[in-house]
Structures are given as C-alpha cells and as structure tokens.
C-alpha atoms as a PDB file:
ATOM      1  CA  MET A   1     104.291   8.339  34.438  1.00  0.00           C
ATOM      2  CA  ILE A   2     101.519   6.060  36.082  1.00  0.00           C
ATOM      3  CA  LEU A   3      98.937   8.807  36.581  1.00  0.00           C
ATOM      4  CA  PRO A   4      99.063  10.184  33.139  1.00  0.00           C
ATOM      5  CA  LEU A   5      98.817   6.601  31.766  1.00  0.00           C
ATOM      6  CA  CYS A   6      95.740   5.971  34.038  1.00  0.00           C
ATOM      7  CA  LEU A   7      93.911   8.930  32.287  1.00  0.00           C
ATOM      8  CA  LYS A   8      94.946   7.773  28.874  1.00  0.00           C
ATOM      9  CA  THR A   9      93.535   4.427  29.474  1.00  0.00           C
ATOM     10  CA  GLY A  10      90.336   5.853  30.734  1.00  0.00           C
ATOM     11  CA  ILE A  11      90.384   4.797  34.472  1.00  0.00           C
ATOM     12  CA  ASP A  12      88.715   8.091  35.240  1.00  0.00           C
ATOM     13  CA  LYS A  13      85.821   6.946  33.099  1.00  0.00           C
ATOM     14  CA  LEU A  14      85.766   3.692  35.195  1.00  0.00           C
ATOM     15  CA  ILE A  15      85.784   5.519  38.502  1.00  0.00           C
ATOM     16  CA  GLY A  16      83.047   7.626  37.313  1.00  0.00           C
ATOM     17  CA  VAL A  17      80.687   4.612  36.938  1.00  0.00           C
ATOM     18  CA  PHE A  18      80.716   4.442  40.878  1.00  0.00           C
ATOM     19  CA  ILE A  19      79.949   7.993  41.635  1.00  0.00           C
ATOM     20  CA  ASN A  20      76.329   8.294  42.696  1.00  0.00           C
ATOM     21  CA  LYS A  21      76.314  11.983  43.679  1.00  0.00           C
ATOM     22  CA  LYS A  22      75.638  14.635  40.873  1.00  0.00           C
ATOM     23  CA  CYS A  23      77.015  17.922  41.950  1.00  0.00           C
ATOM     24  CA  ILE A  24      80.292  19.278  43.668  1.00  0.00           C
ATOM     25  CA  ILE A  25      81.711  22.616  44.370  1.00  0.00           C
ATOM     26  CA  LEU A  26      85.560  22.926  43.812  1.00  0.00           C
ATOM     27  CA  ASN A  27      87.701  25.371  45.905  1.00  0.00           C
ATOM     28  CA  PHE A  28      90.966  27.081  44.630  1.00  0.00           C
ATOM     29  CA  HIS A  29      93.043  29.774  46.147  1.00  0.00           C
ATOM     30  CA  GLY A  30      95.598  31.433  43.731  1.00  0.00           C
ATOM     31  CA  VAL A  31      96.680  30.727  40.287  1.00  0.00           C
ATOM     32  CA  THR A  32     100.226  31.722  39.389  1.00  0.00           C
ATOM     33  CA  THR A  33     102.783  31.950  36.466  1.00  0.00           C
ATOM     34  CA  ILE A  34     105.655  31.838  38.926  1.00  0.00           C
ATOM     35  CA  SER A  35     107.421  28.646  39.219  1.00  0.00           C
ATOM     36  CA  GLY A  36     109.650  27.718  42.411  1.00  0.00           C
ATOM     37  CA  ASN A  37     110.406  30.010  45.216  1.00  0.00           C
ATOM     38  CA  ARG A  38     107.017  29.614  46.685  1.00  0.00           C
ATOM     39  CA  PHE A  39     106.594  30.070  50.435  1.00  0.00           C
ATOM     40  CA  ASN A  40     103.290  27.967  50.608  1.00  0.00           C
ATOM     41  CA  ASN A  41     101.101  25.900  48.508  1.00  0.00           C
ATOM     42  CA  ARG A  42      98.116  28.295  47.971  1.00  0.00           C
ATOM     43  CA  HIS A  43      98.640  28.710  44.297  1.00  0.00           C
ATOM     44  CA  ILE A  44      98.328  26.302  41.516  1.00  0.00           C
ATOM     45  CA  ASP A  45     100.433  26.668  38.272  1.00  0.00           C
ATOM     46  CA  ALA A  46      98.513  28.380  35.473  1.00  0.00           C
ATOM     47  CA  LYS A  47      99.288  25.620  32.848  1.00  0.00           C
ATOM     48  CA  GLU A  48      98.041  22.998  35.432  1.00  0.00           C
ATOM     49  CA  PHE A  49      94.877  25.123  36.005  1.00  0.00           C
ATOM     50  CA  GLU A  50      94.085  25.271  32.364  1.00  0.00           C
ATOM     51  CA  LYS A  51      94.323  21.628  31.950  1.00  0.00           C
ATOM     52  CA  LEU A  52      91.946  21.267  34.720  1.00  0.00           C
ATOM     53  CA  ILE A  53      89.561  23.788  33.088  1.00  0.00           C
ATOM     54  CA  LEU A  54      89.604  21.875  29.867  1.00  0.00           C
ATOM     55  CA  TYR A  55      89.028  18.576  31.518  1.00  0.00           C
ATOM     56  CA  PHE A  56      86.007  20.075  33.436  1.00  0.00           C
ATOM     57  CA  LYS A  57      84.396  21.323  30.303  1.00  0.00           C
ATOM     58  CA  ASN A  58      84.838  18.140  28.464  1.00  0.00           C
ATOM     59  CA  ASN A  59      83.506  15.958  31.378  1.00  0.00           C
ATOM     60  CA  PHE A  60      81.103  18.068  33.401  1.00  0.00           C
ATOM     61  CA  ASN A  61      78.412  20.801  33.161  1.00  0.00           C
ATOM     62  CA  ILE A  62      79.916  23.772  34.687  1.00  0.00           C
ATOM     63  CA  VAL A  63      77.442  26.331  36.277  1.00  0.00           C
ATOM     64  CA  SER A  64      77.688  29.299  38.705  1.00  0.00           C
ATOM     65  CA  LEU A  65      77.496  28.860  42.370  1.00  0.00           C
ATOM     66  CA  PRO A  66      74.136  30.558  42.877  1.00  0.00           C
ATOM     67  CA  LYS A  67      72.753  28.304  40.032  1.00  0.00           C
ATOM     68  CA  LEU A  68      74.169  25.141  41.833  1.00  0.00           C
ATOM     69  CA  PHE A  69      72.649  26.117  44.997  1.00  0.00           C
ATOM     70  CA  GLU A  70      69.398  26.764  43.108  1.00  0.00           C
ATOM     71  CA  MET A  71      69.454  23.456  41.558  1.00  0.00           C
ATOM     72  CA  TYR A  72      70.148  21.835  45.040  1.00  0.00           C
ATOM     73  CA  SER A  73      67.358  23.601  46.932  1.00  0.00           C
ATOM     74  CA  SER A  74      64.782  23.156  44.308  1.00  0.00           C
ATOM     75  CA  LYS A  75      65.770  19.381  43.947  1.00  0.00           C
ATOM     76  CA  GLU A  76      66.216  20.011  40.288  1.00  0.00           C
ATOM     77  CA  LYS A  77      66.839  16.704  38.333  1.00  0.00           C
ATOM     78  CA  VAL A  78      70.589  16.692  37.180  1.00  0.00           C
ATOM     79  CA  ASN A  79      71.446  14.477  34.203  1.00  0.00           C
ATOM     80  CA  LYS A  80      75.126  15.248  33.962  1.00  0.00           C
ATOM     81  CA  LYS A  81      77.576  15.670  36.830  1.00  0.00           C
ATOM     82  CA  THR A  82      77.766  19.316  37.487  1.00  0.00           C
ATOM     83  CA  ILE A  83      80.331  21.484  39.189  1.00  0.00           C
ATOM     84  CA  ALA A  84      80.832  25.185  40.175  1.00  0.00           C
ATOM     85  CA  LEU A  85      84.262  26.791  40.929  1.00  0.00           C
ATOM     86  CA  THR A  86      85.166  28.999  43.766  1.00  0.00           C
ATOM     87  CA  PHE A  87      88.350  31.002  44.799  1.00  0.00           C
ATOM     88  CA  ASP A  88      89.098  32.114  48.218  1.00  0.00           C
ATOM     89  CA  ASP A  89      90.935  35.143  49.665  1.00  0.00           C
ATOM     90  CA  GLY A  90      90.922  37.591  46.651  1.00  0.00           C
ATOM     91  CA  TYR A  91      94.524  37.206  45.581  1.00  0.00           C
ATOM     92  CA  ILE A  92      95.239  39.478  42.716  1.00  0.00           C
ATOM     93  CA  ASN A  93      96.438  36.631  40.695  1.00  0.00           C
ATOM     94  CA  ASN A  94      92.562  35.346  40.441  1.00  0.00           C
ATOM     95  CA  PHE A  95      91.997  38.345  38.329  1.00  0.00           C
ATOM     96  CA  THR A  96      95.410  38.679  36.247  1.00  0.00           C
ATOM     97  CA  VAL A  97      95.984  34.882  35.747  1.00  0.00           C
ATOM     98  CA  ALA A  98      92.966  32.920  36.580  1.00  0.00           C
ATOM     99  CA  LEU A  99      90.289  35.145  35.073  1.00  0.00           C
ATOM    100  CA  PRO A 100      91.806  35.318  31.624  1.00  0.00           C
ATOM    101  CA  ILE A 101      91.818  31.548  31.504  1.00  0.00           C
ATOM    102  CA  LEU A 102      88.151  31.523  32.722  1.00  0.00           C
ATOM    103  CA  LYS A 103      86.976  33.942  30.225  1.00  0.00           C
ATOM    104  CA  LYS A 104      88.915  32.148  27.326  1.00  0.00           C
ATOM    105  CA  HIS A 105      86.926  29.087  28.082  1.00  0.00           C
ATOM    106  CA  ASN A 106      83.642  30.722  29.246  1.00  0.00           C
ATOM    107  CA  VAL A 107      83.763  29.300  32.703  1.00  0.00           C
ATOM    108  CA  PRO A 108      81.834  31.083  35.559  1.00  0.00           C
ATOM    109  CA  ALA A 109      83.307  31.232  39.058  1.00  0.00           C
ATOM    110  CA  THR A 110      82.911  32.692  42.487  1.00  0.00           C
ATOM    111  CA  PHE A 111      85.609  34.840  43.907  1.00  0.00           C
ATOM    112  CA  TYR A 112      85.362  35.258  47.714  1.00  0.00           C
ATOM    113  CA  LEU A 113      87.178  38.352  48.778  1.00  0.00           C
ATOM    114  CA  ILE A 114      88.703  39.288  52.282  1.00  0.00           C
ATOM    115  CA  SER A 115      87.368  42.821  52.444  1.00  0.00           C
ATOM    116  CA  GLU A 116      90.194  44.208  54.609  1.00  0.00           C
ATOM    117  CA  GLY A 117      92.211  43.711  51.486  1.00  0.00           C
ATOM    118  CA  LEU A 118      89.885  46.060  49.548  1.00  0.00           C
ATOM    119  CA  VAL A 119      90.231  49.014  51.939  1.00  0.00           C
ATOM    120  CA  ASN A 120      93.895  48.282  53.107  1.00  0.00           C
ATOM    121  CA  LYS A 121      96.595  48.115  50.438  1.00  0.00           C
ATOM    122  CA  GLU A 122      99.158  46.884  52.983  1.00  0.00           C
ATOM    123  CA  PHE A 123      97.129  43.990  54.261  1.00  0.00           C
ATOM    124  CA  TYR A 124      98.366  40.356  54.062  1.00  0.00           C
ATOM    125  CA  VAL A 125      96.396  37.442  55.030  1.00  0.00           C
ATOM    126  CA  TRP A 126      97.738  36.223  58.310  1.00  0.00           C
ATOM    127  CA  PRO A 127      98.553  32.601  57.050  1.00  0.00           C
ATOM    128  CA  ASP A 128     100.905  34.282  54.552  1.00  0.00           C
ATOM    129  CA  VAL A 129     102.496  36.410  57.194  1.00  0.00           C
ATOM    130  CA  ILE A 130     103.315  33.483  59.378  1.00  0.00           C
ATOM    131  CA  ASP A 131     104.413  31.213  56.282  1.00  0.00           C
ATOM    132  CA  LEU A 132     106.884  33.998  55.169  1.00  0.00           C
ATOM    133  CA  ILE A 133     108.470  34.356  58.774  1.00  0.00           C
ATOM    134  CA  GLN A 134     108.667  30.646  59.409  1.00  0.00           C
ATOM    135  CA  LYS A 135     110.272  30.040  56.093  1.00  0.00           C
ATOM    136  CA  ASN A 136     112.831  32.668  56.560  1.00  0.00           C
ATOM    137  CA  THR A 137     113.507  32.125  60.304  1.00  0.00           C
ATOM    138  CA  LYS A 138     116.051  29.432  61.224  1.00  0.00           C
ATOM    139  CA  THR A 139     115.798  29.801  64.965  1.00  0.00           C
ATOM    140  CA  ASP A 140     113.056  29.638  67.762  1.00  0.00           C
ATOM    141  CA  ILE A 141     110.406  32.232  67.388  1.00  0.00           C
ATOM    142  CA  GLN A 142     110.231  33.907  70.885  1.00  0.00           C
ATOM    143  CA  LEU A 143     107.030  35.878  71.763  1.00  0.00           C
ATOM    144  CA  SER A 144     105.603  37.276  75.044  1.00  0.00           C
ATOM    145  CA  PHE A 145     102.878  34.351  74.929  1.00  0.00           C
ATOM    146  CA  GLY A 146     105.214  31.624  74.262  1.00  0.00           C
ATOM    147  CA  THR A 147     108.373  30.104  72.509  1.00  0.00           C
ATOM    148  CA  PHE A 148     107.911  28.241  69.389  1.00  0.00           C
ATOM    149  CA  LYS A 149     110.665  25.800  68.642  1.00  0.00           C
ATOM    150  CA  TYR A 150     112.429  25.723  65.329  1.00  0.00           C
ATOM    151  CA  PRO A 151     111.900  23.953  62.824  1.00  0.00           C
ATOM    152  CA  GLY A 152     108.439  22.930  63.512  1.00  0.00           C
ATOM    153  CA  PHE A 153     107.376  26.054  65.680  1.00  0.00           C
ATOM    154  CA  TYR A 154     105.741  24.094  68.228  1.00  0.00           C
ATOM    155  CA  CYS A 155     105.123  25.590  71.821  1.00  0.00           C
ATOM    156  CA  GLN A 156     105.593  22.972  74.575  1.00  0.00           C
ATOM    157  CA  GLU A 157     103.948  25.063  77.149  1.00  0.00           C
ATOM    158  CA  LEU A 158     100.679  25.801  74.954  1.00  0.00           C
ATOM    159  CA  LYS A 159     100.587  22.322  73.413  1.00  0.00           C
ATOM    160  CA  THR A 160     100.282  23.882  69.939  1.00  0.00           C
ATOM    161  CA  ASN A 161     102.171  25.046  66.998  1.00  0.00           C
ATOM    162  CA  LEU A 162     102.069  28.818  65.891  1.00  0.00           C
ATOM    163  CA  VAL A 163      99.554  28.252  62.940  1.00  0.00           C
ATOM    164  CA  ASP A 164      97.051  26.459  65.039  1.00  0.00           C
ATOM    165  CA  LEU A 165      97.387  28.935  67.818  1.00  0.00           C
ATOM    166  CA  MET A 166      96.440  31.648  65.483  1.00  0.00           C
ATOM    167  CA  LYS A 167      93.477  29.812  64.154  1.00  0.00           C
ATOM    168  CA  LYS A 168      92.034  29.286  67.580  1.00  0.00           C
ATOM    169  CA  SER A 169      92.935  32.480  69.429  1.00  0.00           C
ATOM    170  CA  ALA A 170      89.820  34.430  68.376  1.00  0.00           C
ATOM    171  CA  GLU A 171      89.793  37.916  69.759  1.00  0.00           C
ATOM    172  CA  LYS A 172      93.540  37.779  70.764  1.00  0.00           C
ATOM    173  CA  ARG A 173      94.741  36.937  67.239  1.00  0.00           C
ATOM    174  CA  GLU A 174      95.310  40.402  66.229  1.00  0.00           C
ATOM    175  CA  GLU A 175      97.266  41.220  69.321  1.00  0.00           C
ATOM    176  CA  TYR A 176      99.443  38.352  68.825  1.00  0.00           C
ATOM    177  CA  LEU A 177      99.835  38.923  65.034  1.00  0.00           C
ATOM    178  CA  ASN A 178     100.959  42.587  65.708  1.00  0.00           C
ATOM    179  CA  GLU A 179     103.507  41.348  68.051  1.00  0.00           C
ATOM    180  CA  ILE A 180     104.789  38.679  65.499  1.00  0.00           C
ATOM    181  CA  LYS A 181     104.960  41.372  62.926  1.00  0.00           C
ATOM    182  CA  GLN A 182     106.854  43.776  64.975  1.00  0.00           C
ATOM    183  CA  LYS A 183     109.436  41.327  66.117  1.00  0.00           C
ATOM    184  CA  TYR A 184     109.900  39.711  62.649  1.00  0.00           C
ATOM    185  CA  PRO A 185     109.505  42.375  60.103  1.00  0.00           C
ATOM    186  CA  ILE A 186     111.333  40.183  57.669  1.00  0.00           C
ATOM    187  CA  TYR A 187     107.870  39.269  56.432  1.00  0.00           C
ATOM    188  CA  HIS A 188     107.272  42.531  54.847  1.00  0.00           C
ATOM    189  CA  THR A 189     110.685  42.383  52.730  1.00  0.00           C
ATOM    190  CA  GLU A 190     109.867  38.913  51.706  1.00  0.00           C
ATOM    191  CA  ALA A 191     106.440  39.867  50.724  1.00  0.00           C
ATOM    192  CA  ALA A 192     107.683  42.463  48.290  1.00  0.00           C
ATOM    193  CA  LYS A 193     109.546  39.726  46.376  1.00  0.00           C
ATOM    194  CA  PHE A 194     106.250  37.856  45.489  1.00  0.00           C
ATOM    195  CA  PRO A 195     103.457  40.364  44.684  1.00  0.00           C
ATOM    196  CA  GLU A 196     101.715  37.827  42.475  1.00  0.00           C
ATOM    197  CA  LEU A 197     101.627  35.147  45.388  1.00  0.00           C
ATOM    198  CA  ILE A 198     100.560  37.500  48.415  1.00  0.00           C
ATOM    199  CA  LYS A 199      98.755  40.666  47.242  1.00  0.00           C
ATOM    200  CA  LEU A 200      94.988  40.922  47.526  1.00  0.00           C
ATOM    201  CA  ILE A 201      93.081  42.867  45.008  1.00  0.00           C
ATOM    202  CA  ASN A 202      92.129  46.427  46.415  1.00  0.00           C
ATOM    203  CA  LYS A 203      89.057  48.576  45.914  1.00  0.00           C
ATOM    204  CA  GLU A 204      90.436  50.651  43.169  1.00  0.00           C
ATOM    205  CA  GLN A 205      91.679  47.456  41.258  1.00  0.00           C
ATOM    206  CA  LEU A 206      88.140  45.743  41.822  1.00  0.00           C
ATOM    207  CA  LEU A 207      86.303  48.542  40.132  1.00  0.00           C
ATOM    208  CA  ASN A 208      87.938  47.465  36.763  1.00  0.00           C
ATOM    209  CA  TYR A 209      86.318  43.931  37.260  1.00  0.00           C
ATOM    210  CA  LYS A 210      83.096  44.705  39.043  1.00  0.00           C
ATOM    211  CA  ASN A 211      81.001  44.006  35.896  1.00  0.00           C
ATOM    212  CA  GLU A 212      82.733  40.529  34.755  1.00  0.00           C
ATOM    213  CA  ALA A 213      79.700  38.751  33.561  1.00  0.00           C
ATOM    214  CA  LEU A 214      81.262  35.149  34.665  1.00  0.00           C
ATOM    215  CA  ILE A 215      82.219  36.191  38.107  1.00  0.00           C
ATOM    216  CA  GLU A 216      80.247  36.309  41.219  1.00  0.00           C
ATOM    217  CA  TYR A 217      81.728  38.153  44.155  1.00  0.00           C
ATOM    218  CA  GLY A 218      81.317  36.554  47.578  1.00  0.00           C
ATOM    219  CA  SER A 219      82.735  37.301  51.140  1.00  0.00           C
ATOM    220  CA  HIS A 220      85.516  35.507  52.815  1.00  0.00           C
ATOM    221  CA  THR A 221      84.922  37.616  55.855  1.00  0.00           C
ATOM    222  CA  HIS A 222      86.742  40.910  56.794  1.00  0.00           C
ATOM    223  CA  LEU A 223      89.912  39.673  58.639  1.00  0.00           C
ATOM    224  CA  HIS A 224      89.862  35.966  57.779  1.00  0.00           C
ATOM    225  CA  TYR A 225      89.071  34.698  61.334  1.00  0.00           C
ATOM    226  CA  ASN A 226      88.138  31.197  62.152  1.00  0.00           C
ATOM    227  CA  LEU A 227      84.531  31.947  62.812  1.00  0.00           C
ATOM    228  CA  GLU A 228      83.883  29.087  65.237  1.00  0.00           C
ATOM    229  CA  PHE A 229      86.100  30.656  67.819  1.00  0.00           C
ATOM    230  CA  LEU A 230      84.530  34.147  67.806  1.00  0.00           C
ATOM    231  CA  ASN A 231      81.656  35.063  69.974  1.00  0.00           C
ATOM    232  CA  SER A 232      78.334  35.864  68.310  1.00  0.00           C
ATOM    233  CA  GLU A 233      78.767  39.811  68.284  1.00  0.00           C
ATOM    234  CA  LYS A 234      82.250  39.435  66.714  1.00  0.00           C
ATOM    235  CA  CYS A 235      81.235  36.775  64.206  1.00  0.00           C
ATOM    236  CA  PHE A 236      78.399  39.038  63.097  1.00  0.00           C
ATOM    237  CA  GLU A 237      80.750  42.052  62.601  1.00  0.00           C
ATOM    238  CA  GLU A 238      83.148  39.832  60.634  1.00  0.00           C
ATOM    239  CA  VAL A 239      80.499  38.823  58.117  1.00  0.00           C
ATOM    240  CA  SER A 240      78.328  41.919  58.049  1.00  0.00           C
ATOM    241  CA  VAL A 241      81.105  44.323  57.645  1.00  0.00           C
ATOM    242  CA  SER A 242      82.599  42.410  54.752  1.00  0.00           C
ATOM    243  CA  LYS A 243      79.252  42.241  53.112  1.00  0.00           C
ATOM    244  CA  LYS A 244      78.859  45.960  53.259  1.00  0.00           C
ATOM    245  CA  ILE A 245      82.458  46.866  52.014  1.00  0.00           C
ATOM    246  CA  ILE A 246      82.082  44.420  48.861  1.00  0.00           C
ATOM    247  CA  GLU A 247      78.558  45.592  48.055  1.00  0.00           C
ATOM    248  CA  GLU A 248      79.664  49.247  48.327  1.00  0.00           C
ATOM    249  CA  CYS A 249      82.480  48.536  45.856  1.00  0.00           C
ATOM    250  CA  ILE A 250      80.548  46.270  43.141  1.00  0.00           C
ATOM    251  CA  GLN A 251      77.173  48.107  43.598  1.00  0.00           C
ATOM    252  CA  LYS A 252      75.522  44.540  43.731  1.00  0.00           C
ATOM    253  CA  PRO A 253      74.050  42.356  46.469  1.00  0.00           C
ATOM    254  CA  VAL A 254      76.682  39.839  48.046  1.00  0.00           C
ATOM    255  CA  ILE A 255      74.671  36.653  48.730  1.00  0.00           C
ATOM    256  CA  SER A 256      77.612  34.149  49.080  1.00  0.00           C
ATOM    257  CA  LEU A 257      80.172  33.497  51.785  1.00  0.00           C
ATOM    258  CA  ALA A 258      82.946  30.902  52.425  1.00  0.00           C
ATOM    259  CA  PHE A 259      84.059  30.267  55.927  1.00  0.00           C
ATOM    260  CA  PRO A 260      87.749  30.624  56.325  1.00  0.00           C
ATOM    261  CA  ASP A 261      89.419  27.328  56.928  1.00  0.00           C
ATOM    262  CA  GLY A 262      86.091  25.752  56.799  1.00  0.00           C
ATOM    263  CA  SER A 263      85.594  26.886  60.479  1.00  0.00           C
ATOM    264  CA  TYR A 264      82.067  27.273  61.800  1.00  0.00           C
ATOM    265  CA  ASN A 265      79.357  26.036  64.340  1.00  0.00           C
ATOM    266  CA  SER A 266      75.677  26.396  64.615  1.00  0.00           C
ATOM    267  CA  GLU A 267      75.872  29.926  65.861  1.00  0.00           C
ATOM    268  CA  THR A 268      78.089  30.935  62.964  1.00  0.00           C
ATOM    269  CA  ILE A 269      75.495  29.790  60.519  1.00  0.00           C
ATOM    270  CA  GLU A 270      72.726  31.942  62.372  1.00  0.00           C
ATOM    271  CA  GLN A 271      74.886  34.880  62.398  1.00  0.00           C
ATOM    272  CA  CYS A 272      75.531  34.546  58.606  1.00  0.00           C
ATOM    273  CA  LYS A 273      71.850  34.275  58.023  1.00  0.00           C
ATOM    274  CA  LYS A 274      71.230  37.344  60.183  1.00  0.00           C
ATOM    275  CA  ALA A 275      73.762  39.338  57.997  1.00  0.00           C
ATOM    276  CA  GLY A 276      71.788  38.330  54.988  1.00  0.00           C
ATOM    277  CA  TYR A 277      73.715  35.701  53.072  1.00  0.00           C
ATOM    278  CA  GLU A 278      71.770  33.156  51.111  1.00  0.00           C
ATOM    279  CA  ASN A 279      74.554  30.686  50.090  1.00  0.00           C
ATOM    280  CA  VAL A 280      77.196  29.605  52.563  1.00  0.00           C
ATOM    281  CA  THR A 281      80.118  26.975  51.618  1.00  0.00           C
ATOM    282  CA  VAL A 282      82.201  25.034  54.098  1.00  0.00           C
ATOM    283  CA  VAL A 283      85.139  22.541  53.400  1.00  0.00           C
ATOM    284  CA  THR A 284      83.822  19.486  55.319  1.00  0.00           C
ATOM    285  CA  TYR A 285      80.469  19.308  57.344  1.00  0.00           C
ATOM    286  CA  LYS A 286      81.098  19.413  61.036  1.00  0.00           C
ATOM    287  CA  LEU A 287      77.601  19.193  62.315  1.00  0.00           C
ATOM    288  CA  ASN A 288      74.721  16.710  61.388  1.00  0.00           C
ATOM    289  CA  GLU A 289      73.580  18.785  58.323  1.00  0.00           C
ATOM    290  CA  VAL A 290      75.368  16.595  55.606  1.00  0.00           C
ATOM    291  CA  ASN A 291      73.362  17.175  52.362  1.00  0.00           C
ATOM    292  CA  LYS A 292      70.357  18.196  54.506  1.00  0.00           C
ATOM    293  CA  ASN A 293      70.716  21.908  54.764  1.00  0.00           C
ATOM    294  CA  PRO A 294      70.176  23.806  51.312  1.00  0.00           C
ATOM    295  CA  TYR A 295      71.820  26.945  52.879  1.00  0.00           C
ATOM    296  CA  LEU A 296      75.070  25.142  53.508  1.00  0.00           C
ATOM    297  CA  LEU A 297      77.214  22.894  51.015  1.00  0.00           C
ATOM    298  CA  SER A 298      80.676  21.500  51.255  1.00  0.00           C
ATOM    299  CA  ARG A 299      83.678  21.982  48.851  1.00  0.00           C
ATOM    300  CA  PHE A 300      86.309  19.899  47.401  1.00  0.00           C
ATOM    301  CA  THR A 301      89.756  21.482  47.626  1.00  0.00           C
ATOM    302  CA  ILE A 302      92.048  21.392  44.579  1.00  0.00           C
ATOM    303  CA  SER A 303      95.706  20.599  45.555  1.00  0.00           C
ATOM    304  CA  ASN A 304      98.308  23.114  44.338  1.00  0.00           C
ATOM    305  CA  SER A 305     101.290  20.618  45.101  1.00  0.00           C
ATOM    306  CA  THR A 306     100.489  17.993  42.729  1.00  0.00           C
ATOM    307  CA  THR A 307      99.913  17.222  39.064  1.00  0.00           C
ATOM    308  CA  PHE A 308      96.783  17.713  36.917  1.00  0.00           C
ATOM    309  CA  GLU A 309      96.352  13.907  36.678  1.00  0.00           C
ATOM    310  CA  SER A 310      96.514  13.470  40.325  1.00  0.00           C
ATOM    311  CA  ASN A 311      93.730  16.262  41.013  1.00  0.00           C
ATOM    312  CA  VAL A 312      91.512  14.565  38.490  1.00  0.00           C
ATOM    313  CA  LEU A 313      91.890  11.225  40.135  1.00  0.00           C
ATOM    314  CA  ARG A 314      91.530  12.801  43.608  1.00  0.00           C
ATOM    315  CA  LEU A 315      88.302  14.547  42.608  1.00  0.00           C
ATOM    316  CA  LEU A 316      86.738  11.506  41.156  1.00  0.00           C
ATOM    317  CA  LYS A 317      87.681   9.390  44.167  1.00  0.00           C
ATOM    318  CA  ASP A 318      86.187  11.884  46.670  1.00  0.00           C
ATOM    319  CA  PHE A 319      83.143  13.012  44.552  1.00  0.00           C
ATOM    320  CA  ASN A 320      80.802  10.916  46.630  1.00  0.00           C
ATOM    321  CA  LYS A 321      82.222  12.283  50.031  1.00  0.00           C
ATOM    322  CA  PHE A 322      82.123  16.087  49.073  1.00  0.00           C
ATOM    323  CA  GLY A 323      79.330  16.089  46.267  1.00  0.00           C
ATOM    324  CA  PHE A 324      75.604  16.114  46.719  1.00  0.00           C
END
C-alpha cells in the first residue's frame, strides 16, 4: 500500500528533481501472461509491463536504441529525460506478448537475439536449463566435475555454486552442460510445460516479424557465453557468427549487441568492434569507461519479481547511476 501511495502523492516527481542525467537504457527479458508456477524471475507480468509502458510514455521521451546512441555520441542537447527499451535473449513471448503492447502504444525497442535459438528449435538458454533442474531436484546434483549440495547447489571442492561455475567455465561450459542434461533429463519434460517462458524464437517465426517498424534486432551472442571468460578467437566467433545468422534472417545490418550477463573486458570490446558492431550495451561498467566511451553504454534492469510502483521508484532512484 505504501508504494502506490507514494506515486499518487507525486513522490516520483520529487525524486525527479534530483536526477541530473538525461538518458537511460532499460533492460527487460520476457513478458508473460502466465501467473504462478514460474521457475525463474526472467519474465515480467504483461499487465505490469503495460503499466510501465504507459508511465514511460507520460514521463519520458522514448526513442530507439540507435537513436539514443546517436544522441549520446553527438552530444545532442536533451531537454526531456529520454529512454530506450531493450529485451534480451529472444524469448517467443517478446513477440507474442510484449510486441502487441509496444505496437499498441507506438513504442520502439531493441530485441537482442541468441542466434542458436534461430537455427535450433530444441535450444534452451543454459540458465533456464539449470533453473528447471534445480527447481525439480531435491537431492545433491552429482557430476563428474563436482557434487553440488542441495538446496543451494554449492560445491565445496570447487568453492562455487553451479550457476556461477557455468558462467565462468568458458570453453568447458558446453561439456559441463551436456553432462548435466544427460544426467538430469527432467529439464526437457519441465520445459514442455512452459513454452511461453522458455522457448526462443526460431528462424521461420522471425521471418514473420522481420519488417516490424518499431523493432531493431541485435545480437545477444550465439550461445550466450559470459564473454570475458573466452579467449579472443572464441569471443570473436560468438559475436560474428551471431551477427551473420541474424542478418541472413532479417536481411538487414545488425549493429547492436548486448553482453550476456553484462560480462566483458577490454578484449571483448575489441572483438565486437572487429565483428562490425556499432552499439554495445553492458549492465554496469567494469572498466574506467563510465560515460566516456560512446561505443559502450550501461543499462538499468527492470525487476520481474516486484510491482510497477517499485520498479518506477527503483528506476528514478538509480537513474543517475545507470544514466548518462
């Protein structure tokens, strides 16, 4: 009751007085009509999402991501606080649930696609696979490379939990993931129950949306690796293969890329430039390039486990931190 009252009394306008940054990029993942029975927090409720869209339209100037990069790099004078919307991974619900809402309110967005999902209809993003297994496993997860103790699935020998190991394992990740899937096939059965929450768009489906005027398509890499843990050759392969596959599908240049999990280093940036990307987004800056590199901008992530009011107040509170 307190947060809705805060907005009704105009506290958001008061907070806005103390915001000195002009622009910010927002990050979503999925948008869903399914309530309850969720195995992760990657999808925001469609009604909450539309409330946010209406608030954004009433309080901000909403532009496309390429336009925001252009404004920033040219140091264009911005009179009204401006935002751009982005969506990671390429979940099918971005097209079946989010897109109709965006079109209803004439709001542009960038959809970052994991390109393996385009060419492999059986592909699931690895964090979804791990989430499904962990949610449906009430014992230790025992693998050749370690035992991950229930309920937190922490491996004492490796001093890490299963999710963090997968993030940092670089080239060995697919080997680990294949073993996990073979030993715990329950993930596949459970995934079939939640197609709206786990399926990525495939190439045939994307062809129906390739000319959407409001949508820019960008890359979220090919296999969703945490790029800072890859060597230069593998990193370049991840970003260049993804670019090629998406471009072949939509018949348009792909100039935008978002780092999975916000993971990058200076070499990652160089490989993305080499592959031909013009705009790159992170979650938070890891190097010394805060608001200094027009090629690289941070994003504020919208929470999928809280309310519309809470998200609005979080955004305003952190606007100066993530904005530019």
